[in-house]
Structures are given as C-alpha cells and as structure tokens.
C-alpha cells in the first residue's frame, strides 16, 4: 500500500534529516518506526501524510505518486489518511463535538454524524463523557478522543506519532488495545512512530529501526527483535547503543 524509495529530506538546503530511506507497508499492516528522539521518525510520518514534500526520492500510495497529482486529486488522497499527534490538541468543545469534527467538515447528515459519534464513544469507552469539555479530560482520555476523532472518517491509513508518550501503564494498555481493535475491526493500515521498543514488539507486524536519519533495517517484528541483521539494531534493542 505504501512504498518509499530513496527518500531524502531536510528543512534547509544544507540540512539532511533523512537519507536514502527505503521501506514498504502492506495493506492492513501495523508498521512501527522505532528509534531514539531526533532520529527522524516524525518527519517520515509528516512526509507520508503529505504535510511536507520530499527533497529526493518517492512515496507511492497504491502505486500513485502524490507529487504527480492535481491539487484536487491530492486532497482526495489525503482524505484517505488521518494523523494522531503526540499532543492530542483537542478543541475547546465537548468530547462529542471533537469526535464529530471530521464528519462535519465533510457535510455529512446530522443523523449519520450522531450515530457514528456514538459508535466512536463506545469504541473508546467514554460514552458518559460525551458532553464533557474535552479540555477537562485526563491525558489518557484526551488521547482516546484524538484517536476517535481520526477514526470517525474511516481512514485507510492511520499515522500515530508517539501515541502513548507520557501516559501511565494503564492508559498505555488502553491505547494499545484501541490500536489493535482499529486495525482488526476496520482493516486500517497503521504506521506509528515510537521510542518504546516493548510497544513496537507488542502491536506491530513489521518494524523499522531508524537511527541518525537512516533506516538501518526493517522487516518482520519478531525476526528483527530476535535476529537483527545490523549490529546497531541489536545494540539499540539491548540498550547498549548510546543515543
């Protein structure tokens, strides 16, 4: 579904954040990019979600290069995706209104919006908080609402940037279970960035190790964790690689 070839990027002409990145993600997979802070994980997500444009190389979505599309076609492609950031960044509105946002901007019928919001509230276990201000939620609750807001438009691809950063173990478990449910129930392809190796191993089908702007290696999760091909990956997993 996603094919990345020789991807390079820098925000300035003399800056190099990503160098020669190559990987692919099959439809329905959960692909985790793991690596230390500053390795370029979030930048890859922003490139895949069409927020920014590669300096070199290509990103193909179902074999189509978004850089070759018209503005209207590119918007249609972007609407097949959704992103959840590390910070939930909810609106100053009720939980239900936050979740409904994506359908409202698509001018869906009120009945459709109400029914789908209720479905999402049930999915994240916050039915009783529908009318509560989203700004009064705990960090874990807010992240669940952010996930529901992204999923209400039924994206084919969901990008997650450190979805459980700064959460307690209970909420980490809740979010991870939601990610599994979304992947299995809706068939959503998920690409996530995480520095949490345990999380990558628990929920990802494929994993890539990113270090200093290079994708050192990627592949089947268990194979990478138990028989990594590159000594840097092995060192990172064992905690011996100084970041």
Protein backbone atom coordinates (compact mmCIF):
# COMPACT_ATOMS: atom_id res chain seq x y z
CA UNK A 1 0.00 0.00 0.00
CA UNK A 2 2.90 2.34 0.80
CA UNK A 3 6.22 2.23 -0.99
CA UNK A 4 9.08 4.54 -0.05
CA UNK A 5 12.16 4.70 -2.27
CA UNK A 6 15.39 6.63 -1.66
CA UNK A 7 13.59 9.22 0.46
CA UNK A 8 15.68 12.24 1.47
CA UNK A 9 14.63 15.36 3.32
CA UNK A 10 15.92 18.46 5.06
CA UNK A 11 14.14 21.64 6.10
CA UNK A 12 17.07 23.74 4.86
CA UNK A 13 19.21 23.32 1.72
CA UNK A 14 22.29 22.37 3.74
CA UNK A 15 20.36 20.22 6.23
CA UNK A 16 19.94 16.46 5.97
CA UNK A 17 17.37 14.87 8.30
CA UNK A 18 16.59 11.74 6.26
CA UNK A 19 18.93 9.95 3.89
CA UNK A 20 18.02 7.21 1.40
CA UNK A 21 15.03 5.78 3.26
CA UNK A 22 13.50 2.63 1.71
CA UNK A 23 10.61 0.54 3.02
CA UNK A 24 7.13 -0.68 2.14
CA UNK A 25 3.96 -1.26 4.13
CA UNK A 26 1.35 -3.82 3.08
CA UNK A 27 -2.36 -3.05 3.35
CA UNK A 28 -3.65 -3.93 6.81
CA UNK A 29 -0.21 -4.00 8.44
CA UNK A 30 0.85 -2.24 11.63
CA UNK A 31 4.29 -0.78 10.87
CA UNK A 32 6.27 0.72 13.75
CA UNK A 33 9.19 3.07 13.24
CA UNK A 34 11.29 2.88 16.36
CA UNK A 35 14.38 4.83 17.21
CA UNK A 36 15.74 7.47 19.58
CA UNK A 37 14.41 11.02 19.74
CA UNK A 38 15.68 13.11 16.83
CA UNK A 39 16.20 10.16 14.51
CA UNK A 40 13.58 11.39 12.00
CA UNK A 41 10.51 9.30 12.88
CA UNK A 42 8.05 12.21 13.00
CA UNK A 43 9.48 13.67 9.79
CA UNK A 44 8.73 10.41 7.96
CA UNK A 45 5.14 10.50 9.21
CA UNK A 46 4.74 14.09 8.03
CA UNK A 47 6.07 13.13 4.60
CA UNK A 48 3.75 10.13 4.33
CA UNK A 49 0.76 12.23 5.40
CA UNK A 50 1.60 14.81 2.69
CA UNK A 51 2.28 17.64 5.16
CA UNK A 52 5.71 18.19 3.61
CA UNK A 53 7.37 17.30 0.29
CA UNK A 54 10.46 15.09 -0.16
CA UNK A 55 13.69 16.67 -1.35
CA UNK A 56 14.53 13.49 -3.22
CA UNK A 57 13.03 10.06 -3.75
CA UNK A 58 9.42 8.97 -3.95
CA UNK A 59 6.44 7.97 -1.85
CA UNK A 60 3.90 5.82 -3.68
CA UNK A 61 0.43 5.16 -2.27
CA UNK A 62 -1.20 2.25 -4.06
CA UNK A 63 1.35 2.84 -6.80
CA UNK A 64 0.48 6.53 -7.21
CA UNK A 65 2.96 9.35 -6.60
CA UNK A 66 1.04 12.21 -4.91
CA UNK A 67 3.52 14.71 -6.34
CA UNK A 68 2.17 13.92 -9.80
CA UNK A 69 -1.46 14.66 -8.86
CA UNK A 70 -3.53 17.80 -9.27
CA UNK A 71 -4.47 19.74 -6.13
CA UNK A 72 -7.94 18.18 -6.12
CA UNK A 73 -6.59 14.66 -6.60
CA UNK A 74 -4.01 15.20 -3.87
CA UNK A 75 -6.73 16.36 -1.47
CA UNK A 76 -8.76 13.24 -2.26
CA UNK A 77 -5.70 11.11 -1.48
CA UNK A 78 -5.04 12.97 1.77
CA UNK A 79 -8.62 12.33 2.85
CA UNK A 80 -7.83 8.62 2.83
CA UNK A 81 -5.44 9.24 5.75
CA UNK A 82 -5.54 10.56 9.30
CA UNK A 83 -2.88 11.55 11.81
CA UNK A 84 -2.83 11.48 15.61
CA UNK A 85 -0.04 13.54 17.12
CA UNK A 86 1.82 13.07 20.39
CA UNK A 87 -0.13 16.00 21.86
CA UNK A 88 -3.92 15.45 21.44
CA UNK A 89 -4.59 19.17 20.72
CA UNK A 90 -8.35 18.94 21.28
CA UNK A 91 -10.74 21.78 20.54
CA UNK A 92 -12.40 23.85 23.28
CA UNK A 93 -15.66 21.96 22.84
CA UNK A 94 -17.39 18.85 24.12
CA UNK A 95 -15.96 15.38 23.66
CA UNK A 96 -18.73 14.57 21.18
CA UNK A 97 -18.11 17.75 19.17
CA UNK A 98 -14.40 16.97 18.95
CA UNK A 99 -15.07 13.48 17.66
CA UNK A 100 -17.68 14.71 15.17
CA UNK A 101 -15.40 17.30 13.57
CA UNK A 102 -14.21 15.25 10.59
CA UNK A 103 -17.74 14.34 9.52
CA UNK A 104 -18.99 17.90 9.95
CA UNK A 105 -16.37 19.35 7.61
CA UNK A 106 -17.41 16.68 5.09
CA UNK A 107 -21.02 17.90 5.45
CA UNK A 108 -22.44 14.53 6.48
CA UNK A 109 -26.07 14.32 7.57
CA UNK A 110 -26.76 15.04 11.23
CA UNK A 111 -28.19 11.56 11.86
CA UNK A 112 -25.09 9.97 10.36
CA UNK A 113 -22.84 12.15 12.50
CA UNK A 114 -24.75 11.41 15.71
CA UNK A 115 -24.81 7.66 15.10
CA UNK A 116 -21.15 7.47 14.20
CA UNK A 117 -20.12 9.59 17.18
CA UNK A 118 -21.96 7.19 19.48
CA UNK A 119 -20.15 4.30 17.84
CA UNK A 120 -16.80 6.00 18.41
CA UNK A 121 -17.64 6.85 22.02
CA UNK A 122 -18.42 3.19 22.65
CA UNK A 123 -15.18 2.17 20.96
CA UNK A 124 -13.08 4.34 23.28
CA UNK A 125 -15.23 3.71 26.37
CA UNK A 126 -16.22 7.32 27.01
CA UNK A 127 -19.98 7.27 26.39
CA UNK A 128 -20.70 9.01 29.70
CA UNK A 129 -18.36 11.89 28.86
CA UNK A 130 -19.94 12.91 25.55
CA UNK A 131 -21.00 16.36 26.84
CA UNK A 132 -17.94 17.00 28.98
CA UNK A 133 -15.45 19.64 27.88
CA UNK A 134 -12.58 17.93 26.11
CA UNK A 135 -10.17 20.30 27.88
CA UNK A 136 -11.07 18.75 31.24
CA UNK A 137 -10.07 15.21 30.25
CA UNK A 138 -7.09 13.36 31.60
CA UNK A 139 -4.15 12.86 29.25
CA UNK A 140 -5.15 9.26 28.55
CA UNK A 141 -8.80 10.17 27.91
CA UNK A 142 -7.75 13.02 25.62
CA UNK A 143 -5.60 10.68 23.54
CA UNK A 144 -8.52 8.26 23.17
CA UNK A 145 -10.70 11.13 21.94
CA UNK A 146 -7.98 12.13 19.46
CA UNK A 147 -7.97 8.56 18.13
CA UNK A 148 -11.76 8.57 17.81
CA UNK A 149 -11.66 11.95 16.01
CA UNK A 150 -9.21 10.49 13.50
CA UNK A 151 -11.08 7.21 13.03
CA UNK A 152 -14.57 8.65 12.58
CA UNK A 153 -13.78 9.37 8.90
CA UNK A 154 -12.71 5.73 8.40
CA UNK A 155 -9.23 6.44 7.03
CA UNK A 156 -7.48 3.72 5.09
CA UNK A 157 -4.18 4.73 6.68
CA UNK A 158 -3.71 5.98 10.25
CA UNK A 159 -0.47 7.67 11.29
CA UNK A 160 0.37 7.73 15.00
CA UNK A 161 3.17 9.84 16.42
CA UNK A 162 4.25 8.53 19.84
CA UNK A 163 0.60 7.75 20.76
CA UNK A 164 1.34 6.79 24.38
CA UNK A 165 4.07 9.27 25.29
CA UNK A 166 3.90 10.38 28.94
CA UNK A 167 0.99 8.05 29.77
CA UNK A 168 0.80 5.75 32.78
CA UNK A 169 0.92 1.96 32.16
CA UNK A 170 -2.87 1.56 32.43
CA UNK A 171 -3.54 4.14 29.72
CA UNK A 172 -0.72 2.79 27.58
CA UNK A 173 -2.53 -0.55 27.64
CA UNK A 174 -5.87 1.07 26.76
CA UNK A 175 -4.39 2.92 23.77
CA UNK A 176 -2.54 -0.16 22.53
CA UNK A 177 -5.75 -2.21 22.69
CA UNK A 178 -7.54 0.52 20.74
CA UNK A 179 -4.84 0.40 18.05
CA UNK A 180 -5.26 -3.37 17.74
CA UNK A 181 -9.05 -3.03 17.57
CA UNK A 182 -8.92 -0.32 14.90
CA UNK A 183 -6.52 -2.40 12.83
CA UNK A 184 -8.57 -5.59 13.04
CA UNK A 185 -12.14 -4.23 13.01
CA UNK A 186 -11.70 -1.66 10.24
CA UNK A 187 -8.71 -3.13 8.40
CA UNK A 188 -6.88 0.16 8.89
CA UNK A 189 -3.24 0.25 7.85
CA UNK A 190 -1.27 1.82 10.69
CA UNK A 191 2.13 3.49 10.62
CA UNK A 192 3.36 4.62 14.01
CA UNK A 193 6.45 6.26 15.45
CA UNK A 194 7.57 5.12 18.87
CA UNK A 195 10.69 5.06 21.01
CA UNK A 196 9.03 2.33 23.10
CA UNK A 197 10.56 -0.95 21.94
CA UNK A 198 8.17 -3.02 24.03
CA UNK A 199 5.22 -1.32 22.39
CA UNK A 200 6.59 -1.93 18.91
CA UNK A 201 7.05 -5.60 19.69
CA UNK A 202 3.57 -5.96 21.22
CA UNK A 203 1.44 -4.45 18.48
CA UNK A 204 3.41 -4.13 15.23
CA UNK A 205 3.52 -6.71 12.46
CA UNK A 206 6.59 -5.08 10.91
CA UNK A 207 9.20 -2.81 12.47
CA UNK A 208 11.87 -0.46 11.21
CA UNK A 209 14.83 0.88 13.20
CA UNK A 210 15.67 4.50 12.39
CA UNK A 211 18.95 5.97 13.57
CA UNK A 212 20.55 9.32 12.67
CA UNK A 213 18.29 9.81 9.66
CA UNK A 214 18.89 6.35 8.22
CA UNK A 215 16.58 3.35 8.24
CA UNK A 216 19.10 0.82 9.47
CA UNK A 217 16.80 -2.14 8.77
CA UNK A 218 13.17 -3.15 8.69
CA UNK A 219 11.13 -6.33 8.49
CA UNK A 220 9.07 -8.84 10.44
CA UNK A 221 8.80 -7.79 14.09
CA UNK A 222 9.94 -10.99 15.79
CA UNK A 223 12.77 -11.51 13.31
CA UNK A 224 14.11 -8.01 13.87
CA UNK A 225 13.92 -8.34 17.66
CA UNK A 226 15.45 -11.81 17.84
CA UNK A 227 17.79 -11.94 14.85
CA UNK A 228 18.56 -8.39 13.71
CA UNK A 229 20.85 -8.19 10.71
CA UNK A 230 22.64 -4.99 11.78
CA UNK A 231 24.69 -4.70 14.94
CA UNK A 232 23.34 -1.20 15.59
CA UNK A 233 19.80 -2.59 15.81
CA UNK A 234 20.96 -5.26 18.22
CA UNK A 235 22.76 -2.64 20.31
CA UNK A 236 19.69 -0.40 20.41
CA UNK A 237 17.41 -3.26 21.46
CA UNK A 238 19.81 -4.34 24.18
CA UNK A 239 20.23 -0.77 25.44
CA UNK A 240 23.91 -0.65 24.55
CA UNK A 241 23.61 1.94 21.79
CA UNK A 242 24.22 5.40 23.21
CA UNK A 243 21.75 7.86 21.65
